[in-house]
């Protein structure tokens, strides 16, 4: 008998923009070490008018989140190869 381990990580962020600090977009990602689960990343416009008014800022946040997801994927992969 062998212990088979897997790890799942859920990441969530919000792009908050404007003087009134509105949440324009919700970003999420799920990462897993399981071979049966595909990693996924999603974005959801919570306030389309705010998104349209602050597209450049929101897109920077989306890029920053995607880079964060890549970093977390790499960390997760390195954790599993150490074991």
PDB file of N, CA and C in Angstrom:
ATOM      1  N   UNK A   1       0.852  -1.174   0.000  1.00  0.00           N
ATOM      2  CA  UNK A   1       0.000   0.000   0.000  1.00  0.00           C
ATOM      3  C   UNK A   1       0.894   1.231   0.000  1.00  0.00           C
ATOM      4  N   UNK A   2       0.538   2.223  -0.813  1.00  0.00           N
ATOM      5  CA  UNK A   2       1.307   3.457  -0.897  1.00  0.00           C
ATOM      6  C   UNK A   2       0.380   4.652  -0.723  1.00  0.00           C
ATOM      7  N   UNK A   3       0.908   5.650  -0.089  1.00  0.00           N
ATOM      8  CA  UNK A   3       0.148   6.879   0.107  1.00  0.00           C
ATOM      9  C   UNK A   3       0.291   7.746  -1.135  1.00  0.00           C
ATOM     10  N   UNK A   4      -0.811   8.019  -1.787  1.00  0.00           N
ATOM     11  CA  UNK A   4      -0.810   8.892  -2.955  1.00  0.00           C
ATOM     12  C   UNK A   4      -1.374  10.246  -2.530  1.00  0.00           C
ATOM     13  N   UNK A   5      -0.542  11.272  -2.656  1.00  0.00           N
ATOM     14  CA  UNK A   5      -0.960  12.603  -2.219  1.00  0.00           C
ATOM     15  C   UNK A   5      -1.229  13.492  -3.418  1.00  0.00           C
ATOM     16  N   UNK A   6      -2.128  14.414  -3.216  1.00  0.00           N
ATOM     17  CA  UNK A   6      -2.366  15.451  -4.200  1.00  0.00           C
ATOM     18  C   UNK A   6      -2.710  16.726  -3.453  1.00  0.00           C
ATOM     19  N   UNK A   7      -2.502  17.830  -4.116  1.00  0.00           N
ATOM     20  CA  UNK A   7      -2.761  19.121  -3.507  1.00  0.00           C
ATOM     21  C   UNK A   7      -3.533  19.977  -4.490  1.00  0.00           C
ATOM     22  N   UNK A   8      -4.514  20.695  -3.966  1.00  0.00           N
ATOM     23  CA  UNK A   8      -5.285  21.611  -4.796  1.00  0.00           C
ATOM     24  C   UNK A   8      -5.216  22.994  -4.156  1.00  0.00           C
ATOM     25  N   UNK A   9      -4.985  23.999  -4.991  1.00  0.00           N
ATOM     26  CA  UNK A   9      -4.869  25.373  -4.523  1.00  0.00           C
ATOM     27  C   UNK A   9      -5.877  26.231  -5.281  1.00  0.00           C
ATOM     28  N   UNK A  10      -6.654  27.007  -4.539  1.00  0.00           N
ATOM     29  CA  UNK A  10      -7.597  27.943  -5.149  1.00  0.00           C
ATOM     30  C   UNK A  10      -7.094  29.352  -4.923  1.00  0.00           C
ATOM     31  N   UNK A  11      -7.025  30.131  -5.993  1.00  0.00           N
ATOM     32  CA  UNK A  11      -6.566  31.509  -5.926  1.00  0.00           C
ATOM     33  C   UNK A  11      -7.699  32.425  -6.375  1.00  0.00           C
ATOM     34  N   UNK A  12      -7.871  33.537  -5.687  1.00  0.00           N
ATOM     35  CA  UNK A  12      -8.906  34.502  -6.044  1.00  0.00           C
ATOM     36  C   UNK A  12      -8.359  35.909  -5.880  1.00  0.00           C
ATOM     37  N   UNK A  13      -8.710  36.791  -6.790  1.00  0.00           N
ATOM     38  CA  UNK A  13      -8.311  38.194  -6.705  1.00  0.00           C
ATOM     39  C   UNK A  13      -9.405  39.045  -7.337  1.00  0.00           C
ATOM     40  N   UNK A  14      -9.381  40.318  -7.005  1.00  0.00           N
ATOM     41  CA  UNK A  14     -10.334  41.267  -7.560  1.00  0.00           C
ATOM     42  C   UNK A  14      -9.571  42.463  -8.100  1.00  0.00           C
ATOM     43  N   UNK A  15      -9.964  42.938  -9.257  1.00  0.00           N
ATOM     44  CA  UNK A  15      -9.420  44.182  -9.785  1.00  0.00           C
ATOM     45  C   UNK A  15     -10.302  45.297  -9.251  1.00  0.00           C
ATOM     46  N   UNK A  16      -9.734  46.078  -8.344  1.00  0.00           N
ATOM     47  CA  UNK A  16     -10.464  47.169  -7.689  1.00  0.00           C
ATOM     48  C   UNK A  16      -9.920  48.480  -8.248  1.00  0.00           C
ATOM     49  N   UNK A  17     -10.794  49.277  -8.857  1.00  0.00           N
ATOM     50  CA  UNK A  17     -10.345  50.476  -9.567  1.00  0.00           C
ATOM     51  C   UNK A  17     -11.223  51.681  -9.250  1.00  0.00           C
ATOM     52  N   UNK A  18     -10.714  52.846  -9.624  1.00  0.00           N
ATOM     53  CA  UNK A  18     -11.471  54.082  -9.490  1.00  0.00           C
ATOM     54  C   UNK A  18     -11.401  54.656  -8.086  1.00  0.00           C
ATOM     55  N   UNK A  19     -11.804  55.895  -7.992  1.00  0.00           N
ATOM     56  CA  UNK A  19     -11.810  56.582  -6.699  1.00  0.00           C
ATOM     57  C   UNK A  19     -12.773  55.936  -5.714  1.00  0.00           C
ATOM     58  N   UNK A  20     -13.817  55.313  -6.246  1.00  0.00           N
ATOM     59  CA  UNK A  20     -14.809  54.672  -5.378  1.00  0.00           C
ATOM     60  C   UNK A  20     -14.469  53.213  -5.080  1.00  0.00           C
ATOM     61  N   UNK A  21     -13.305  52.757  -5.545  1.00  0.00           N
ATOM     62  CA  UNK A  21     -12.785  51.406  -5.252  1.00  0.00           C
ATOM     63  C   UNK A  21     -13.790  50.308  -5.596  1.00  0.00           C
ATOM     64  N   UNK A  22     -14.302  50.348  -6.803  1.00  0.00           N
ATOM     65  CA  UNK A  22     -15.253  49.327  -7.262  1.00  0.00           C
ATOM     66  C   UNK A  22     -14.522  48.079  -7.739  1.00  0.00           C
ATOM     67  N   UNK A  23     -15.121  46.936  -7.486  1.00  0.00           N
ATOM     68  CA  UNK A  23     -14.590  45.670  -7.993  1.00  0.00           C
ATOM     69  C   UNK A  23     -15.070  45.523  -9.437  1.00  0.00           C
ATOM     70  N   UNK A  24     -14.122  45.623 -10.357  1.00  0.00           N
ATOM     71  CA  UNK A  24     -14.484  45.549 -11.773  1.00  0.00           C
ATOM     72  C   UNK A  24     -14.500  44.111 -12.262  1.00  0.00           C
ATOM     73  N   UNK A  25     -13.487  43.325 -11.856  1.00  0.00           N
ATOM     74  CA  UNK A  25     -13.334  41.960 -12.353  1.00  0.00           C
ATOM     75  C   UNK A  25     -12.924  41.046 -11.209  1.00  0.00           C
ATOM     76  N   UNK A  26     -13.496  39.855 -11.203  1.00  0.00           N
ATOM     77  CA  UNK A  26     -13.100  38.804 -10.268  1.00  0.00           C
ATOM     78  C   UNK A  26     -12.241  37.819 -11.042  1.00  0.00           C
ATOM     79  N   UNK A  27     -11.076  37.483 -10.494  1.00  0.00           N
ATOM     80  CA  UNK A  27     -10.152  36.549 -11.128  1.00  0.00           C
ATOM     81  C   UNK A  27     -10.012  35.334 -10.219  1.00  0.00           C
ATOM     82  N   UNK A  28     -10.000  34.165 -10.813  1.00  0.00           N
ATOM     83  CA  UNK A  28      -9.831  32.959 -10.001  1.00  0.00           C
ATOM     84  C   UNK A  28      -9.049  31.911 -10.786  1.00  0.00           C
ATOM     85  N   UNK A  29      -8.414  31.042 -10.038  1.00  0.00           N
ATOM     86  CA  UNK A  29      -7.672  29.939 -10.656  1.00  0.00           C
ATOM     87  C   UNK A  29      -7.672  28.768  -9.681  1.00  0.00           C
ATOM     88  N   UNK A  30      -7.679  27.581 -10.230  1.00  0.00           N
ATOM     89  CA  UNK A  30      -7.570  26.361  -9.453  1.00  0.00           C
ATOM     90  C   UNK A  30      -6.392  25.580 -10.001  1.00  0.00           C
ATOM     91  N   UNK A  31      -5.473  25.231  -9.118  1.00  0.00           N
ATOM     92  CA  UNK A  31      -4.289  24.465  -9.488  1.00  0.00           C
ATOM     93  C   UNK A  31      -4.318  23.155  -8.733  1.00  0.00           C
ATOM     94  N   UNK A  32      -3.885  22.086  -9.380  1.00  0.00           N
ATOM     95  CA  UNK A  32      -3.904  20.784  -8.741  1.00  0.00           C
ATOM     96  C   UNK A  32      -2.721  19.952  -9.201  1.00  0.00           C
ATOM     97  N   UNK A  33      -2.276  19.076  -8.313  1.00  0.00           N
ATOM     98  CA  UNK A  33      -1.209  18.148  -8.665  1.00  0.00           C
ATOM     99  C   UNK A  33      -1.767  16.841  -9.215  1.00  0.00           C
ATOM    100  N   UNK A  34      -3.066  16.703  -9.212  1.00  0.00           N
ATOM    101  CA  UNK A  34      -3.700  15.480  -9.698  1.00  0.00           C
ATOM    102  C   UNK A  34      -3.623  15.388 -11.219  1.00  0.00           C
ATOM    103  N   UNK A  35      -3.356  14.211 -11.724  1.00  0.00           N
ATOM    104  CA  UNK A  35      -3.341  14.000 -13.174  1.00  0.00           C
ATOM    105  C   UNK A  35      -4.743  14.057 -13.766  1.00  0.00           C
ATOM    106  N   UNK A  36      -5.754  13.887 -12.925  1.00  0.00           N
ATOM    107  CA  UNK A  36      -7.135  13.836 -13.393  1.00  0.00           C
ATOM    108  C   UNK A  36      -7.822  15.198 -13.388  1.00  0.00           C
ATOM    109  N   UNK A  37      -7.124  16.234 -12.930  1.00  0.00           N
ATOM    110  CA  UNK A  37      -7.729  17.561 -12.829  1.00  0.00           C
ATOM    111  C   UNK A  37      -6.939  18.541 -13.666  1.00  0.00           C
ATOM    112  N   UNK A  38      -7.627  19.274 -14.496  1.00  0.00           N
ATOM    113  CA  UNK A  38      -6.973  20.308 -15.289  1.00  0.00           C
ATOM    114  C   UNK A  38      -6.954  21.609 -14.504  1.00  0.00           C
ATOM    115  N   UNK A  39      -5.825  22.300 -14.546  1.00  0.00           N
ATOM    116  CA  UNK A  39      -5.767  23.624 -13.953  1.00  0.00           C
ATOM    117  C   UNK A  39      -6.685  24.543 -14.744  1.00  0.00           C
ATOM    118  N   UNK A  40      -7.261  25.529 -14.061  1.00  0.00           N
ATOM    119  CA  UNK A  40      -8.148  26.447 -14.764  1.00  0.00           C
ATOM    120  C   UNK A  40      -7.976  27.855 -14.216  1.00  0.00           C
ATOM    121  N   UNK A  41      -8.215  28.830 -15.069  1.00  0.00           N
ATOM    122  CA  UNK A  41      -8.205  30.236 -14.685  1.00  0.00           C
ATOM    123  C   UNK A  41      -9.420  30.896 -15.317  1.00  0.00           C
ATOM    124  N   UNK A  42     -10.068  31.770 -14.547  1.00  0.00           N
ATOM    125  CA  UNK A  42     -11.285  32.422 -15.026  1.00  0.00           C
ATOM    126  C   UNK A  42     -11.283  33.894 -14.655  1.00  0.00           C
ATOM    127  N   UNK A  43     -11.991  34.663 -15.449  1.00  0.00           N
ATOM    128  CA  UNK A  43     -12.228  36.056 -15.089  1.00  0.00           C
ATOM    129  C   UNK A  43     -13.689  36.366 -15.357  1.00  0.00           C
ATOM    130  N   UNK A  44     -14.251  37.187 -14.478  1.00  0.00           N
ATOM    131  CA  UNK A  44     -15.664  37.521 -14.554  1.00  0.00           C
ATOM    132  C   UNK A  44     -15.812  39.022 -14.333  1.00  0.00           C
ATOM    133  N   UNK A  45     -16.398  39.708 -15.298  1.00  0.00           N
ATOM    134  CA  UNK A  45     -16.637  41.146 -15.152  1.00  0.00           C
ATOM    135  C   UNK A  45     -17.794  41.350 -14.189  1.00  0.00           C
ATOM    136  N   UNK A  46     -17.494  41.907 -13.038  1.00  0.00           N
ATOM    137  CA  UNK A  46     -18.513  42.135 -12.019  1.00  0.00           C
ATOM    138  C   UNK A  46     -19.287  43.422 -12.282  1.00  0.00           C
ATOM    139  N   UNK A  47     -18.613  44.379 -12.903  1.00  0.00           N
ATOM    140  CA  UNK A  47     -19.230  45.668 -13.226  1.00  0.00           C
ATOM    141  C   UNK A  47     -18.679  46.102 -14.578  1.00  0.00           C
ATOM    142  N   UNK A  48     -19.435  45.837 -15.617  1.00  0.00           N
ATOM    143  CA  UNK A  48     -18.953  46.074 -16.976  1.00  0.00           C
ATOM    144  C   UNK A  48     -18.656  47.558 -17.237  1.00  0.00           C
ATOM    145  N   UNK A  49     -19.458  48.445 -16.704  1.00  0.00           N
ATOM    146  CA  UNK A  49     -19.228  49.877 -16.911  1.00  0.00           C
ATOM    147  C   UNK A  49     -17.906  50.295 -16.263  1.00  0.00           C
ATOM    148  N   UNK A  50     -17.628  49.786 -15.085  1.00  0.00           N
ATOM    149  CA  UNK A  50     -16.359  50.085 -14.413  1.00  0.00           C
ATOM    150  C   UNK A  50     -15.205  49.499 -15.192  1.00  0.00           C
ATOM    151  N   UNK A  51     -15.374  48.272 -15.672  1.00  0.00           N
ATOM    152  CA  UNK A  51     -14.335  47.650 -16.489  1.00  0.00           C
ATOM    153  C   UNK A  51     -14.033  48.514 -17.717  1.00  0.00           C
ATOM    154  N   UNK A  52     -15.053  48.913 -18.431  1.00  0.00           N
ATOM    155  CA  UNK A  52     -14.864  49.693 -19.654  1.00  0.00           C
ATOM    156  C   UNK A  52     -14.208  51.045 -19.366  1.00  0.00           C
ATOM    157  N   UNK A  53     -14.535  51.643 -18.232  1.00  0.00           N
ATOM    158  CA  UNK A  53     -13.979  52.951 -17.880  1.00  0.00           C
ATOM    159  C   UNK A  53     -12.520  52.856 -17.423  1.00  0.00           C
ATOM    160  N   UNK A  54     -12.087  51.661 -17.006  1.00  0.00           N
ATOM    161  CA  UNK A  54     -10.735  51.488 -16.449  1.00  0.00           C
ATOM    162  C   UNK A  54     -10.021  50.294 -17.083  1.00  0.00           C
ATOM    163  N   UNK A  55     -10.248  50.091 -18.385  1.00  0.00           N
ATOM    164  CA  UNK A  55      -9.700  48.909 -19.070  1.00  0.00           C
ATOM    165  C   UNK A  55      -8.199  48.746 -18.889  1.00  0.00           C
ATOM    166  N   UNK A  56      -7.448  49.798 -19.019  1.00  0.00           N
ATOM    167  CA  UNK A  56      -5.984  49.696 -18.933  1.00  0.00           C
ATOM    168  C   UNK A  56      -5.555  49.193 -17.552  1.00  0.00           C
ATOM    169  N   UNK A  57      -6.150  49.753 -16.493  1.00  0.00           N
ATOM    170  CA  UNK A  57      -5.821  49.319 -15.132  1.00  0.00           C
ATOM    171  C   UNK A  57      -6.219  47.869 -14.898  1.00  0.00           C
ATOM    172  N   UNK A  58      -7.434  47.537 -15.322  1.00  0.00           N
ATOM    173  CA  UNK A  58      -7.943  46.187 -15.115  1.00  0.00           C
ATOM    174  C   UNK A  58      -7.076  45.166 -15.856  1.00  0.00           C
ATOM    175  N   UNK A  59      -6.688  45.492 -17.075  1.00  0.00           N
ATOM    176  CA  UNK A  59      -5.854  44.569 -17.846  1.00  0.00           C
ATOM    177  C   UNK A  59      -4.485  44.377 -17.206  1.00  0.00           C
ATOM    178  N   UNK A  60      -3.949  45.411 -16.578  1.00  0.00           N
ATOM    179  CA  UNK A  60      -2.698  45.257 -15.823  1.00  0.00           C
ATOM    180  C   UNK A  60      -2.900  44.298 -14.661  1.00  0.00           C
ATOM    181  N   UNK A  61      -4.036  44.423 -13.981  1.00  0.00           N
ATOM    182  CA  UNK A  61      -4.346  43.510 -12.870  1.00  0.00           C
ATOM    183  C   UNK A  61      -4.493  42.076 -13.370  1.00  0.00           C
ATOM    184  N   UNK A  62      -5.118  41.903 -14.502  1.00  0.00           N
ATOM    185  CA  UNK A  62      -5.288  40.563 -15.071  1.00  0.00           C
ATOM    186  C   UNK A  62      -3.927  39.954 -15.384  1.00  0.00           C
ATOM    187  N   UNK A  63      -3.040  40.732 -15.975  1.00  0.00           N
ATOM    188  CA  UNK A  63      -1.693  40.255 -16.275  1.00  0.00           C
ATOM    189  C   UNK A  63      -0.933  39.920 -14.998  1.00  0.00           C
ATOM    190  N   UNK A  64      -1.047  40.764 -13.984  1.00  0.00           N
ATOM    191  CA  UNK A  64      -0.383  40.511 -12.697  1.00  0.00           C
ATOM    192  C   UNK A  64      -0.910  39.225 -12.066  1.00  0.00           C
ATOM    193  N   UNK A  65      -2.225  39.008 -12.156  1.00  0.00           N
ATOM    194  CA  UNK A  65      -2.804  37.786 -11.595  1.00  0.00           C
ATOM    195  C   UNK A  65      -2.301  36.566 -12.354  1.00  0.00           C
ATOM    196  N   UNK A  66      -2.253  36.648 -13.665  1.00  0.00           N
ATOM    197  CA  UNK A  66      -1.770  35.511 -14.459  1.00  0.00           C
ATOM    198  C   UNK A  66      -0.323  35.189 -14.099  1.00  0.00           C
ATOM    199  N   UNK A  67       0.500  36.199 -13.905  1.00  0.00           N
ATOM    200  CA  UNK A  67       1.888  35.965 -13.485  1.00  0.00           C
ATOM    201  C   UNK A  67       1.940  35.311 -12.105  1.00  0.00           C
ATOM    202  N   UNK A  68       1.044  35.729 -11.209  1.00  0.00           N
ATOM    203  CA  UNK A  68       0.943  35.119  -9.879  1.00  0.00           C
ATOM    204  C   UNK A  68       0.554  33.641  -9.993  1.00  0.00           C
ATOM    205  N   UNK A  69      -0.381  33.348 -10.877  1.00  0.00           N
ATOM    206  CA  UNK A  69      -0.803  31.955 -11.098  1.00  0.00           C
ATOM    207  C   UNK A  69       0.388  31.123 -11.580  1.00  0.00           C
ATOM    208  N   UNK A  70       1.160  31.649 -12.521  1.00  0.00           N
ATOM    209  CA  UNK A  70       2.346  30.928 -13.002  1.00  0.00           C
ATOM    210  C   UNK A  70       3.321  30.655 -11.859  1.00  0.00           C
ATOM    211  N   UNK A  71       3.553  31.659 -11.010  1.00  0.00           N
ATOM    212  CA  UNK A  71       4.457  31.478  -9.867  1.00  0.00           C
ATOM    213  C   UNK A  71       3.953  30.368  -8.946  1.00  0.00           C
ATOM    214  N   UNK A  72       2.659  30.359  -8.690  1.00  0.00           N
ATOM    215  CA  UNK A  72       2.080  29.352  -7.802  1.00  0.00           C
ATOM    216  C   UNK A  72       2.130  27.960  -8.435  1.00  0.00           C
ATOM    217  N   UNK A  73       1.935  27.884  -9.750  1.00  0.00           N
ATOM    218  CA  UNK A  73       2.068  26.599 -10.451  1.00  0.00           C
ATOM    219  C   UNK A  73       3.479  26.047 -10.283  1.00  0.00           C
ATOM    220  N   UNK A  74       4.467  26.924 -10.453  1.00  0.00           N
ATOM    221  CA  UNK A  74       5.860  26.501 -10.320  1.00  0.00           C
ATOM    222  C   UNK A  74       6.183  26.047  -8.903  1.00  0.00           C
ATOM    223  N   UNK A  75       5.681  26.785  -7.911  1.00  0.00           N
ATOM    224  CA  UNK A  75       5.883  26.389  -6.518  1.00  0.00           C
ATOM    225  C   UNK A  75       5.248  25.043  -6.216  1.00  0.00           C
ATOM    226  N   UNK A  76       4.047  24.861  -6.696  1.00  0.00           N
ATOM    227  CA  UNK A  76       3.337  23.602  -6.469  1.00  0.00           C
ATOM    228  C   UNK A  76       4.070  22.447  -7.112  1.00  0.00           C
ATOM    229  N   UNK A  77       4.540  22.640  -8.318  1.00  0.00           N
ATOM    230  CA  UNK A  77       5.279  21.592  -9.012  1.00  0.00           C
ATOM    231  C   UNK A  77       6.590  21.261  -8.292  1.00  0.00           C
ATOM    232  N   UNK A  78       7.275  22.288  -7.791  1.00  0.00           N
ATOM    233  CA  UNK A  78       8.539  22.031  -7.100  1.00  0.00           C
ATOM    234  C   UNK A  78       8.314  21.333  -5.761  1.00  0.00           C
ATOM    235  N   UNK A  79       7.222  21.639  -5.093  1.00  0.00           N
ATOM    236  CA  UNK A  79       6.880  20.954  -3.837  1.00  0.00           C
ATOM    237  C   UNK A  79       6.692  19.454  -4.076  1.00  0.00           C
ATOM    238  N   UNK A  80       5.997  19.150  -5.144  1.00  0.00           N
ATOM    239  CA  UNK A  80       5.666  17.748  -5.411  1.00  0.00           C
ATOM    240  C   UNK A  80       6.883  16.953  -5.882  1.00  0.00           C
ATOM    241  N   UNK A  81       7.815  17.595  -6.562  1.00  0.00           N
ATOM    242  CA  UNK A  81       8.997  16.860  -7.029  1.00  0.00           C
ATOM    243  C   UNK A  81       9.995  16.622  -5.896  1.00  0.00           C
ATOM    244  N   UNK A  82       9.903  17.413  -4.829  1.00  0.00           N
ATOM    245  CA  UNK A  82      10.792  17.227  -3.678  1.00  0.00           C
ATOM    246  C   UNK A  82      10.417  15.996  -2.851  1.00  0.00           C
ATOM    247  N   UNK A  83       9.175  15.599  -2.940  1.00  0.00           N
ATOM    248  CA  UNK A  83       8.686  14.489  -2.106  1.00  0.00           C
ATOM    249  C   UNK A  83       9.001  13.150  -2.701  1.00  0.00           C
TER     250      UNK A  83
END
